[in-house]
Amino acid sequence: MHYLFTYGTLQNISIQKQVFGRTLAGIHDVLNGYQISSEKIMGRYLVIEKTNKKESKTEGIVYELHKSELIKVDLYEGKAYKRIKVGLKSGKSAWVYVKA
């Protein structure tokens, strides 16, 4: 299993049904050292950026996914995003999508 940290559209139930064919049960967590960027992908979608500031944080939801589901998220996010591994406040290691 893989953890995915989300901060935007993947928290939306209708998007989850579209991407995974099911709704996901997640847990609140925090990604330190990143913040929501003022720049948006295609002028409307949230993206986070690394800040190197201790006080910066992004709150989100962590979902547990199968490898095959991560590939579905890669397709959903498209070429504008890339998936990277990060450490969360909870101690979990998770994937998150940032600007490509």
PDB file of N, CA and C in Angstrom:
ATOM      1  N   MET A   1       0.847  -1.192   0.000  1.00  0.00           N
ATOM      2  CA  MET A   1       0.000   0.000   0.000  1.00  0.00           C
ATOM      3  C   MET A   1       0.887   1.249   0.000  1.00  0.00           C
ATOM      4  N   HIS A   2       0.312   2.323  -0.519  1.00  0.00           N
ATOM      5  CA  HIS A   2       1.016   3.609  -0.605  1.00  0.00           C
ATOM      6  C   HIS A   2       0.136   4.684   0.012  1.00  0.00           C
ATOM      7  N   TYR A   3       0.779   5.673   0.633  1.00  0.00           N
ATOM      8  CA  TYR A   3       0.048   6.825   1.164  1.00  0.00           C
ATOM      9  C   TYR A   3       0.118   7.967   0.159  1.00  0.00           C
ATOM     10  N   LEU A   4      -1.005   8.668  -0.004  1.00  0.00           N
ATOM     11  CA  LEU A   4      -1.080   9.842  -0.871  1.00  0.00           C
ATOM     12  C   LEU A   4      -1.603  11.007  -0.050  1.00  0.00           C
ATOM     13  N   PHE A   5      -0.812  12.093   0.026  1.00  0.00           N
ATOM     14  CA  PHE A   5      -1.224  13.311   0.716  1.00  0.00           C
ATOM     15  C   PHE A   5      -1.922  14.221  -0.291  1.00  0.00           C
ATOM     16  N   THR A   6      -3.139  14.630   0.016  1.00  0.00           N
ATOM     17  CA  THR A   6      -3.916  15.468  -0.902  1.00  0.00           C
ATOM     18  C   THR A   6      -4.270  16.797  -0.251  1.00  0.00           C
ATOM     19  N   TYR A   7      -4.364  17.826  -1.082  1.00  0.00           N
ATOM     20  CA  TYR A   7      -4.681  19.169  -0.594  1.00  0.00           C
ATOM     21  C   TYR A   7      -5.665  19.896  -1.507  1.00  0.00           C
ATOM     22  N   GLY A   8      -6.205  19.202  -2.487  1.00  0.00           N
ATOM     23  CA  GLY A   8      -7.076  19.865  -3.462  1.00  0.00           C
ATOM     24  C   GLY A   8      -8.198  18.975  -3.953  1.00  0.00           C
ATOM     25  N   THR A   9      -8.326  18.862  -5.271  1.00  0.00           N
ATOM     26  CA  THR A   9      -9.488  18.230  -5.894  1.00  0.00           C
ATOM     27  C   THR A   9      -9.667  16.756  -5.530  1.00  0.00           C
ATOM     28  N   LEU A  10      -8.592  16.055  -5.180  1.00  0.00           N
ATOM     29  CA  LEU A  10      -8.724  14.629  -4.852  1.00  0.00           C
ATOM     30  C   LEU A  10      -9.462  14.389  -3.532  1.00  0.00           C
ATOM     31  N   GLN A  11      -9.762  15.457  -2.800  1.00  0.00           N
ATOM     32  CA  GLN A  11     -10.579  15.327  -1.592  1.00  0.00           C
ATOM     33  C   GLN A  11     -12.072  15.365  -1.938  1.00  0.00           C
ATOM     34  N   ASN A  12     -12.388  15.726  -3.164  1.00  0.00           N
ATOM     35  CA  ASN A  12     -13.768  15.830  -3.627  1.00  0.00           C
ATOM     36  C   ASN A  12     -14.319  14.432  -3.947  1.00  0.00           C
ATOM     37  N   ILE A  13     -15.441  14.093  -3.345  1.00  0.00           N
ATOM     38  CA  ILE A  13     -16.027  12.759  -3.504  1.00  0.00           C
ATOM     39  C   ILE A  13     -16.340  12.433  -4.963  1.00  0.00           C
ATOM     40  N   SER A  14     -16.867  13.400  -5.718  1.00  0.00           N
ATOM     41  CA  SER A  14     -17.195  13.110  -7.125  1.00  0.00           C
ATOM     42  C   SER A  14     -15.924  12.868  -7.945  1.00  0.00           C
ATOM     43  N   ILE A  15     -14.840  13.554  -7.623  1.00  0.00           N
ATOM     44  CA  ILE A  15     -13.560  13.320  -8.306  1.00  0.00           C
ATOM     45  C   ILE A  15     -13.030  11.931  -7.934  1.00  0.00           C
ATOM     46  N   GLN A  16     -13.146  11.569  -6.662  1.00  0.00           N
ATOM     47  CA  GLN A  16     -12.697  10.241  -6.225  1.00  0.00           C
ATOM     48  C   GLN A  16     -13.442   9.139  -6.979  1.00  0.00           C
ATOM     49  N   LYS A  17     -14.751   9.294  -7.107  1.00  0.00           N
ATOM     50  CA  LYS A  17     -15.536   8.289  -7.833  1.00  0.00           C
ATOM     51  C   LYS A  17     -15.098   8.216  -9.292  1.00  0.00           C
ATOM     52  N   GLN A  18     -14.789   9.367  -9.890  1.00  0.00           N
ATOM     53  CA  GLN A  18     -14.349   9.425 -11.284  1.00  0.00           C
ATOM     54  C   GLN A  18     -12.987   8.745 -11.452  1.00  0.00           C
ATOM     55  N   VAL A  19     -12.044   9.033 -10.555  1.00  0.00           N
ATOM     56  CA  VAL A  19     -10.680   8.515 -10.687  1.00  0.00           C
ATOM     57  C   VAL A  19     -10.563   7.065 -10.220  1.00  0.00           C
ATOM     58  N   PHE A  20     -11.171   6.735  -9.077  1.00  0.00           N
ATOM     59  CA  PHE A  20     -10.976   5.421  -8.455  1.00  0.00           C
ATOM     60  C   PHE A  20     -12.180   4.489  -8.566  1.00  0.00           C
ATOM     61  N   GLY A  21     -13.337   5.042  -8.912  1.00  0.00           N
ATOM     62  CA  GLY A  21     -14.547   4.235  -8.940  1.00  0.00           C
ATOM     63  C   GLY A  21     -15.095   3.959  -7.547  1.00  0.00           C
ATOM     64  N   ARG A  22     -14.611   4.710  -6.569  1.00  0.00           N
ATOM     65  CA  ARG A  22     -15.041   4.552  -5.173  1.00  0.00           C
ATOM     66  C   ARG A  22     -14.701   5.830  -4.399  1.00  0.00           C
ATOM     67  N   THR A  23     -15.255   5.937  -3.201  1.00  0.00           N
ATOM     68  CA  THR A  23     -14.867   7.047  -2.327  1.00  0.00           C
ATOM     69  C   THR A  23     -13.791   6.550  -1.367  1.00  0.00           C
ATOM     70  N   LEU A  24     -12.924   7.460  -0.949  1.00  0.00           N
ATOM     71  CA  LEU A  24     -11.793   7.112  -0.101  1.00  0.00           C
ATOM     72  C   LEU A  24     -12.023   7.590   1.328  1.00  0.00           C
ATOM     73  N   ALA A  25     -11.529   6.829   2.285  1.00  0.00           N
ATOM     74  CA  ALA A  25     -11.543   7.236   3.685  1.00  0.00           C
ATOM     75  C   ALA A  25     -10.130   7.689   4.020  1.00  0.00           C
ATOM     76  N   GLY A  26      -9.995   8.931   4.470  1.00  0.00           N
ATOM     77  CA  GLY A  26      -8.675   9.469   4.737  1.00  0.00           C
ATOM     78  C   GLY A  26      -8.512   9.984   6.151  1.00  0.00           C
ATOM     79  N   ILE A  27      -7.286  10.358   6.463  1.00  0.00           N
ATOM     80  CA  ILE A  27      -6.928  10.877   7.780  1.00  0.00           C
ATOM     81  C   ILE A  27      -6.246  12.230   7.596  1.00  0.00           C
ATOM     82  N   HIS A  28      -6.620  13.195   8.447  1.00  0.00           N
ATOM     83  CA  HIS A  28      -6.009  14.524   8.404  1.00  0.00           C
ATOM     84  C   HIS A  28      -4.522  14.419   8.748  1.00  0.00           C
ATOM     85  N   ASP A  29      -3.698  15.181   8.027  1.00  0.00           N
ATOM     86  CA  ASP A  29      -2.265  15.238   8.318  1.00  0.00           C
ATOM     87  C   ASP A  29      -1.737  16.580   7.844  1.00  0.00           C
ATOM     88  N   VAL A  30      -0.467  16.836   8.103  1.00  0.00           N
ATOM     89  CA  VAL A  30       0.156  18.117   7.776  1.00  0.00           C
ATOM     90  C   VAL A  30       1.489  17.863   7.079  1.00  0.00           C
ATOM     91  N   LEU A  31       1.751  18.650   6.039  1.00  0.00           N
ATOM     92  CA  LEU A  31       3.031  18.628   5.338  1.00  0.00           C
ATOM     93  C   LEU A  31       3.760  19.920   5.685  1.00  0.00           C
ATOM     94  N   ASN A  32       4.816  19.805   6.468  1.00  0.00           N
ATOM     95  CA  ASN A  32       5.591  20.984   6.872  1.00  0.00           C
ATOM     96  C   ASN A  32       6.585  21.374   5.789  1.00  0.00           C
ATOM     97  N   GLY A  33       6.893  22.684   5.725  1.00  0.00           N
ATOM     98  CA  GLY A  33       7.873  23.184   4.758  1.00  0.00           C
ATOM     99  C   GLY A  33       7.317  23.461   3.381  1.00  0.00           C
ATOM    100  N   TYR A  34       6.004  23.319   3.216  1.00  0.00           N
ATOM    101  CA  TYR A  34       5.337  23.591   1.937  1.00  0.00           C
ATOM    102  C   TYR A  34       4.138  24.497   2.196  1.00  0.00           C
ATOM    103  N   GLN A  35       3.780  25.275   1.185  1.00  0.00           N
ATOM    104  CA  GLN A  35       2.577  26.100   1.269  1.00  0.00           C
ATOM    105  C   GLN A  35       1.856  26.077  -0.067  1.00  0.00           C
ATOM    106  N   ILE A  36       0.574  26.422  -0.014  1.00  0.00           N
ATOM    107  CA  ILE A  36      -0.204  26.552  -1.250  1.00  0.00           C
ATOM    108  C   ILE A  36       0.360  27.749  -2.017  1.00  0.00           C
ATOM    109  N   SER A  37       0.686  27.545  -3.268  1.00  0.00           N
ATOM    110  CA  SER A  37       1.254  28.602  -4.108  1.00  0.00           C
ATOM    111  C   SER A  37       0.175  29.591  -4.532  1.00  0.00           C
ATOM    112  N   SER A  38       0.577  30.840  -4.724  1.00  0.00           N
ATOM    113  CA  SER A  38      -0.361  31.830  -5.259  1.00  0.00           C
ATOM    114  C   SER A  38      -0.601  31.565  -6.747  1.00  0.00           C
ATOM    115  N   GLU A  39       0.348  30.890  -7.387  1.00  0.00           N
ATOM    116  CA  GLU A  39       0.200  30.481  -8.786  1.00  0.00           C
ATOM    117  C   GLU A  39      -0.677  29.230  -8.823  1.00  0.00           C
ATOM    118  N   LYS A  40      -1.561  29.164  -9.786  1.00  0.00           N
ATOM    119  CA  LYS A  40      -2.427  28.000  -9.926  1.00  0.00           C
ATOM    120  C   LYS A  40      -2.140  27.317 -11.262  1.00  0.00           C
ATOM    121  N   ILE A  41      -2.296  26.000 -11.277  1.00  0.00           N
ATOM    122  CA  ILE A  41      -2.121  25.243 -12.518  1.00  0.00           C
ATOM    123  C   ILE A  41      -3.325  25.544 -13.417  1.00  0.00           C
ATOM    124  N   MET A  42      -3.048  25.907 -14.671  1.00  0.00           N
ATOM    125  CA  MET A  42      -4.088  26.273 -15.646  1.00  0.00           C
ATOM    126  C   MET A  42      -5.007  27.371 -15.087  1.00  0.00           C
ATOM    127  N   GLY A  43      -4.469  28.194 -14.193  1.00  0.00           N
ATOM    128  CA  GLY A  43      -5.213  29.333 -13.660  1.00  0.00           C
ATOM    129  C   GLY A  43      -6.289  28.992 -12.650  1.00  0.00           C
ATOM    130  N   ARG A  44      -6.422  27.688 -12.276  1.00  0.00           N
ATOM    131  CA  ARG A  44      -7.504  27.345 -11.356  1.00  0.00           C
ATOM    132  C   ARG A  44      -7.215  26.247 -10.350  1.00  0.00           C
ATOM    133  N   TYR A  45      -6.219  25.393 -10.588  1.00  0.00           N
ATOM    134  CA  TYR A  45      -5.981  24.255  -9.697  1.00  0.00           C
ATOM    135  C   TYR A  45      -4.847  24.538  -8.722  1.00  0.00           C
ATOM    136  N   LEU A  46      -5.069  24.178  -7.459  1.00  0.00           N
ATOM    137  CA  LEU A  46      -4.070  24.400  -6.421  1.00  0.00           C
ATOM    138  C   LEU A  46      -2.803  23.602  -6.683  1.00  0.00           C
ATOM    139  N   VAL A  47      -1.690  24.187  -6.249  1.00  0.00           N
ATOM    140  CA  VAL A  47      -0.406  23.488  -6.271  1.00  0.00           C
ATOM    141  C   VAL A  47       0.391  23.981  -5.069  1.00  0.00           C
ATOM    142  N   ILE A  48       1.187  23.099  -4.490  1.00  0.00           N
ATOM    143  CA  ILE A  48       1.999  23.509  -3.356  1.00  0.00           C
ATOM    144  C   ILE A  48       3.426  23.770  -3.812  1.00  0.00           C
ATOM    145  N   GLU A  49       4.142  24.553  -2.992  1.00  0.00           N
ATOM    146  CA  GLU A  49       5.545  24.843  -3.274  1.00  0.00           C
ATOM    147  C   GLU A  49       6.350  24.715  -1.994  1.00  0.00           C
ATOM    148  N   LYS A  50       7.593  24.266  -2.146  1.00  0.00           N
ATOM    149  CA  LYS A  50       8.506  24.135  -1.017  1.00  0.00           C
ATOM    150  C   LYS A  50       8.967  25.531  -0.624  1.00  0.00           C
ATOM    151  N   THR A  51       9.012  25.794   0.688  1.00  0.00           N
ATOM    152  CA  THR A  51       9.383  27.133   1.139  1.00  0.00           C
ATOM    153  C   THR A  51      10.665  27.179   1.953  1.00  0.00           C
ATOM    154  N   ASN A  52      11.072  26.066   2.545  1.00  0.00           N
ATOM    155  CA  ASN A  52      12.214  26.014   3.453  1.00  0.00           C
ATOM    156  C   ASN A  52      12.016  26.880   4.696  1.00  0.00           C
ATOM    157  N   LYS A  53      10.777  27.246   4.994  1.00  0.00           N
ATOM    158  CA  LYS A  53      10.458  28.000   6.204  1.00  0.00           C
ATOM    159  C   LYS A  53       9.800  27.044   7.188  1.00  0.00           C
ATOM    160  N   LYS A  54      10.277  27.044   8.434  1.00  0.00           N
ATOM    161  CA  LYS A  54       9.728  26.130   9.441  1.00  0.00           C
ATOM    162  C   LYS A  54       8.242  26.355   9.690  1.00  0.00           C
ATOM    163  N   GLU A  55       7.798  27.612   9.571  1.00  0.00           N
ATOM    164  CA  GLU A  55       6.395  27.916   9.877  1.00  0.00           C
ATOM    165  C   GLU A  55       5.439  27.568   8.734  1.00  0.00           C
ATOM    166  N   SER A  56       5.969  27.268   7.556  1.00  0.00           N
ATOM    167  CA  SER A  56       5.114  26.909   6.420  1.00  0.00           C
ATOM    168  C   SER A  56       4.551  25.509   6.611  1.00  0.00           C
ATOM    169  N   LYS A  57       3.271  25.368   6.296  1.00  0.00           N
ATOM    170  CA  LYS A  57       2.656  24.046   6.367  1.00  0.00           C
ATOM    171  C   LYS A  57       1.443  24.002   5.459  1.00  0.00           C
ATOM    172  N   THR A  58       1.138  22.804   5.002  1.00  0.00           N
ATOM    173  CA  THR A  58      -0.049  22.551   4.205  1.00  0.00           C
ATOM    174  C   THR A  58      -0.845  21.467   4.907  1.00  0.00           C
ATOM    175  N   GLU A  59      -2.103  21.761   5.195  1.00  0.00           N
ATOM    176  CA  GLU A  59      -2.978  20.768   5.812  1.00  0.00           C
ATOM    177  C   GLU A  59      -3.681  19.999   4.703  1.00  0.00           C
ATOM    178  N   GLY A  60      -3.881  18.718   4.942  1.00  0.00           N
ATOM    179  CA  GLY A  60      -4.524  17.904   3.919  1.00  0.00           C
ATOM    180  C   GLY A  60      -5.037  16.594   4.467  1.00  0.00           C
ATOM    181  N   ILE A  61      -5.372  15.714   3.551  1.00  0.00           N
ATOM    182  CA  ILE A  61      -5.906  14.398   3.878  1.00  0.00           C
ATOM    183  C   ILE A  61      -4.993  13.343   3.243  1.00  0.00           C
ATOM    184  N   VAL A  62      -4.689  12.298   4.022  1.00  0.00           N
ATOM    185  CA  VAL A  62      -3.877  11.189   3.533  1.00  0.00           C
ATOM    186  C   VAL A  62      -4.788  10.001   3.255  1.00  0.00           C
ATOM    187  N   TYR A  63      -4.615   9.430   2.073  1.00  0.00           N
ATOM    188  CA  TYR A  63      -5.365   8.244   1.677  1.00  0.00           C
ATOM    189  C   TYR A  63      -4.393   7.095   1.447  1.00  0.00           C
ATOM    190  N   GLU A  64      -4.858   5.886   1.711  1.00  0.00           N
ATOM    191  CA  GLU A  64      -4.082   4.687   1.450  1.00  0.00           C
ATOM    192  C   GLU A  64      -4.545   4.125   0.109  1.00  0.00           C
ATOM    193  N   LEU A  65      -3.600   3.956  -0.820  1.00  0.00           N
ATOM    194  CA  LEU A  65      -3.931   3.512  -2.176  1.00  0.00           C
ATOM    195  C   LEU A  65      -3.088   2.316  -2.589  1.00  0.00           C
ATOM    196  N   HIS A  66      -3.626   1.534  -3.513  1.00  0.00           N
ATOM    197  CA  HIS A  66      -2.865   0.469  -4.158  1.00  0.00           C
ATOM    198  C   HIS A  66      -2.003   1.101  -5.254  1.00  0.00           C
ATOM    199  N   LYS A  67      -0.935   0.438  -5.636  1.00  0.00           N
ATOM    200  CA  LYS A  67      -0.045   0.920  -6.700  1.00  0.00           C
ATOM    201  C   LYS A  67      -0.829   1.238  -7.978  1.00  0.00           C
ATOM    202  N   SER A  68      -1.780   0.386  -8.334  1.00  0.00           N
ATOM    203  CA  SER A  68      -2.574   0.612  -9.548  1.00  0.00           C
ATOM    204  C   SER A  68      -3.388   1.905  -9.444  1.00  0.00           C
ATOM    205  N   GLU A  69      -3.798   2.258  -8.231  1.00  0.00           N
ATOM    206  CA  GLU A  69      -4.558   3.505  -8.044  1.00  0.00           C
ATOM    207  C   GLU A  69      -3.649   4.727  -8.157  1.00  0.00           C
ATOM    208  N   LEU A  70      -2.390   4.596  -7.748  1.00  0.00           N
ATOM    209  CA  LEU A  70      -1.442   5.705  -7.915  1.00  0.00           C
ATOM    210  C   LEU A  70      -1.256   6.027  -9.391  1.00  0.00           C
ATOM    211  N   ILE A  71      -1.238   5.004 -10.208  1.00  0.00           N
ATOM    212  CA  ILE A  71      -1.098   5.217 -11.655  1.00  0.00           C
ATOM    213  C   ILE A  71      -2.313   5.973 -12.197  1.00  0.00           C
ATOM    214  N   LYS A  72      -3.496   5.672 -11.666  1.00  0.00           N
ATOM    215  CA  LYS A  72      -4.698   6.408 -12.056  1.00  0.00           C
ATOM    216  C   LYS A  72      -4.588   7.879 -11.674  1.00  0.00           C
ATOM    217  N   VAL A  73      -3.987   8.154 -10.509  1.00  0.00           N
ATOM    218  CA  VAL A  73      -3.808   9.549 -10.077  1.00  0.00           C
ATOM    219  C   VAL A  73      -2.798  10.246 -10.987  1.00  0.00           C
ATOM    220  N   ASP A  74      -1.728   9.547 -11.381  1.00  0.00           N
ATOM    221  CA  ASP A  74      -0.767  10.129 -12.320  1.00  0.00           C
ATOM    222  C   ASP A  74      -1.476  10.588 -13.589  1.00  0.00           C
ATOM    223  N   LEU A  75      -2.366   9.748 -14.108  1.00  0.00           N
ATOM    224  CA  LEU A  75      -3.110  10.098 -15.326  1.00  0.00           C
ATOM    225  C   LEU A  75      -4.046  11.281 -15.066  1.00  0.00           C
ATOM    226  N   TYR A  76      -4.709  11.288 -13.913  1.00  0.00           N
ATOM    227  CA  TYR A  76      -5.629  12.374 -13.558  1.00  0.00           C
ATOM    228  C   TYR A  76      -4.875  13.701 -13.436  1.00  0.00           C
ATOM    229  N   GLU A  77      -3.743  13.696 -12.757  1.00  0.00           N
ATOM    230  CA  GLU A  77      -2.982  14.933 -12.528  1.00  0.00           C
ATOM    231  C   GLU A  77      -2.324  15.441 -13.811  1.00  0.00           C
ATOM    232  N   GLY A  78      -1.958  14.548 -14.700  1.00  0.00           N
ATOM    233  CA  GLY A  78      -1.398  14.954 -15.990  1.00  0.00           C
ATOM    234  C   GLY A  78       0.030  15.462 -15.900  1.00  0.00           C
ATOM    235  N   LYS A  79       0.483  16.069 -16.977  1.00  0.00           N
ATOM    236  CA  LYS A  79       1.872  16.515 -17.098  1.00  0.00           C
ATOM    237  C   LYS A  79       2.174  17.797 -16.327  1.00  0.00           C
ATOM    238  N   ALA A  80       1.166  18.478 -15.838  1.00  0.00           N
ATOM    239  CA  ALA A  80       1.385  19.721 -15.096  1.00  0.00           C
ATOM    240  C   ALA A  80       1.909  19.458 -13.682  1.00  0.00           C
ATOM    241  N   TYR A  81       1.716  18.224 -13.199  1.00  0.00           N
ATOM    242  CA  TYR A  81       2.146  17.857 -11.849  1.00  0.00           C
ATOM    243  C   TYR A  81       3.141  16.714 -11.908  1.00  0.00           C
ATOM    244  N   LYS A  82       3.965  16.622 -10.864  1.00  0.00           N
ATOM    245  CA  LYS A  82       4.825  15.450 -10.693  1.00  0.00           C
ATOM    246  C   LYS A  82       4.648  14.940  -9.268  1.00  0.00           C
ATOM    247  N   ARG A  83       4.828  13.642  -9.113  1.00  0.00           N
ATOM    248  CA  ARG A  83       4.644  12.986  -7.815  1.00  0.00           C
ATOM    249  C   ARG A  83       5.997  12.858  -7.125  1.00  0.00           C
ATOM    250  N   ILE A  84       6.074  13.336  -5.871  1.00  0.00           N
ATOM    251  CA  ILE A  84       7.298  13.213  -5.085  1.00  0.00           C
ATOM    252  C   ILE A  84       6.968  12.592  -3.723  1.00  0.00           C
ATOM    253  N   LYS A  85       7.983  12.029  -3.077  1.00  0.00           N
ATOM    254  CA  LYS A  85       7.827  11.423  -1.758  1.00  0.00           C
ATOM    255  C   LYS A  85       8.188  12.469  -0.701  1.00  0.00           C
ATOM    256  N   VAL A  86       7.351  12.570   0.336  1.00  0.00           N
ATOM    257  CA  VAL A  86       7.571  13.529   1.425  1.00  0.00           C
ATOM    258  C   VAL A  86       7.311  12.859   2.770  1.00  0.00           C
ATOM    259  N   GLY A  87       7.816  13.470   3.814  1.00  0.00           N
ATOM    260  CA  GLY A  87       7.529  13.032   5.175  1.00  0.00           C
ATOM    261  C   GLY A  87       6.471  13.938   5.777  1.00  0.00           C
ATOM    262  N   LEU A  88       5.483  13.350   6.417  1.00  0.00           N
ATOM    263  CA  LEU A  88       4.383  14.113   7.010  1.00  0.00           C
ATOM    264  C   LEU A  88       4.576  14.269   8.511  1.00  0.00           C
ATOM    265  N   LYS A  89       3.839  15.208   9.093  1.00  0.00           N
ATOM    266  CA  LYS A  89       3.913  15.464  10.527  1.00  0.00           C
ATOM    267  C   LYS A  89       3.647  14.195  11.336  1.00  0.00           C
ATOM    268  N   SER A  90       2.761  13.336  10.860  1.00  0.00           N
ATOM    269  CA  SER A  90       2.412  12.092  11.551  1.00  0.00           C
ATOM    270  C   SER A  90       3.554  11.081  11.566  1.00  0.00           C
ATOM    271  N   GLY A  91       4.572  11.309  10.732  1.00  0.00           N
ATOM    272  CA  GLY A  91       5.668  10.356  10.594  1.00  0.00           C
ATOM    273  C   GLY A  91       5.522   9.459   9.377  1.00  0.00           C
ATOM    274  N   LYS A  92       4.358   9.527   8.716  1.00  0.00           N
ATOM    275  CA  LYS A  92       4.147   8.731   7.502  1.00  0.00           C
ATOM    276  C   LYS A  92       4.988   9.289   6.349  1.00  0.00           C
ATOM    277  N   SER A  93       5.404   8.399   5.482  1.00  0.00           N
ATOM    278  CA  SER A  93       6.027   8.771   4.228  1.00  0.00           C
ATOM    279  C   SER A  93       4.941   8.651   3.162  1.00  0.00           C
ATOM    280  N   ALA A  94       4.735   9.728   2.411  1.00  0.00           N
ATOM    281  CA  ALA A  94       3.612   9.752   1.465  1.00  0.00           C
ATOM    282  C   ALA A  94       4.022  10.381   0.148  1.00  0.00           C
ATOM    283  N   TRP A  95       3.266  10.075  -0.886  1.00  0.00           N
ATOM    284  CA  TRP A  95       3.398  10.744  -2.176  1.00  0.00           C
ATOM    285  C   TRP A  95       2.567  12.013  -2.140  1.00  0.00           C
ATOM    286  N   VAL A  96       3.019  13.029  -2.861  1.00  0.00           N
ATOM    287  CA  VAL A  96       2.259  14.266  -3.024  1.00  0.00           C
ATOM    288  C   VAL A  96       2.571  14.800  -4.424  1.00  0.00           C
ATOM    289  N   TYR A  97       1.637  15.559  -4.980  1.00  0.00           N
ATOM    290  CA  TYR A  97       1.816  16.136  -6.307  1.00  0.00           C
ATOM    291  C   TYR A  97       2.186  17.609  -6.189  1.00  0.00           C
ATOM    292  N   VAL A  98       3.265  17.979  -6.892  1.00  0.00           N
ATOM    293  CA  VAL A  98       3.754  19.359  -6.946  1.00  0.00           C
ATOM    294  C   VAL A  98       3.851  19.760  -8.414  1.00  0.00           C
ATOM    295  N   LYS A  99       4.141  21.024  -8.661  1.00  0.00           N
ATOM    296  CA  LYS A  99       4.253  21.502 -10.039  1.00  0.00           C
ATOM    297  C   LYS A  99       5.398  20.782 -10.752  1.00  0.00           C
ATOM    298  N   ALA A 100       5.131  20.334 -11.961  1.00  0.00           N
ATOM    299  CA  ALA A 100       6.162  19.623 -12.753  1.00  0.00           C
ATOM    300  C   ALA A 100       7.237  20.572 -13.234  1.00  0.00           C
TER     301      ALA A 100
END
